[in-house]
Amino acid sequence: VKMKNDGTGSGTLTLAAGACANHAYPGSTGANTTGYNLCNEMQLSVTCDGPATFAGYTGTVGAFTGGTIGPLAATASTSCTFTVSLPSNAPSGFASQYLTQALTWTLA
């Protein structure tokens, strides 16, 4: 995700992550979203390049709350990379599920 400050003033860029929710794919049979909460298993890594001062994040999607990305001067930009993965040894109970999580970017 590339964020650019097209304004004339600087500000601090923040990212707020909403609650993670896991869902069974429509039409799937046997998806156990209660016993196998994908939010607690799916791994997330977030890194941002300069001028961001964000220390990064590594952990589960469900534990991600966002953070302060850093100052962004007028006309400056920063890129953040989100990488998600499911551990190869995850039990089959996580099959037929997907996640949703709202992300809100603010430059103030």
Foldseek 3Di string as FASTA:
>chain_A
DKDWAQDQFKFWKWKFKAAKAKDFAPPDPQQDCPVCPQQQFKWKWKDKDPPFPDPIDTHGNRPDGITTRGMHGHGGMMDMDMDIDGDPPDDPSNPRMDMDMDMDMDTD
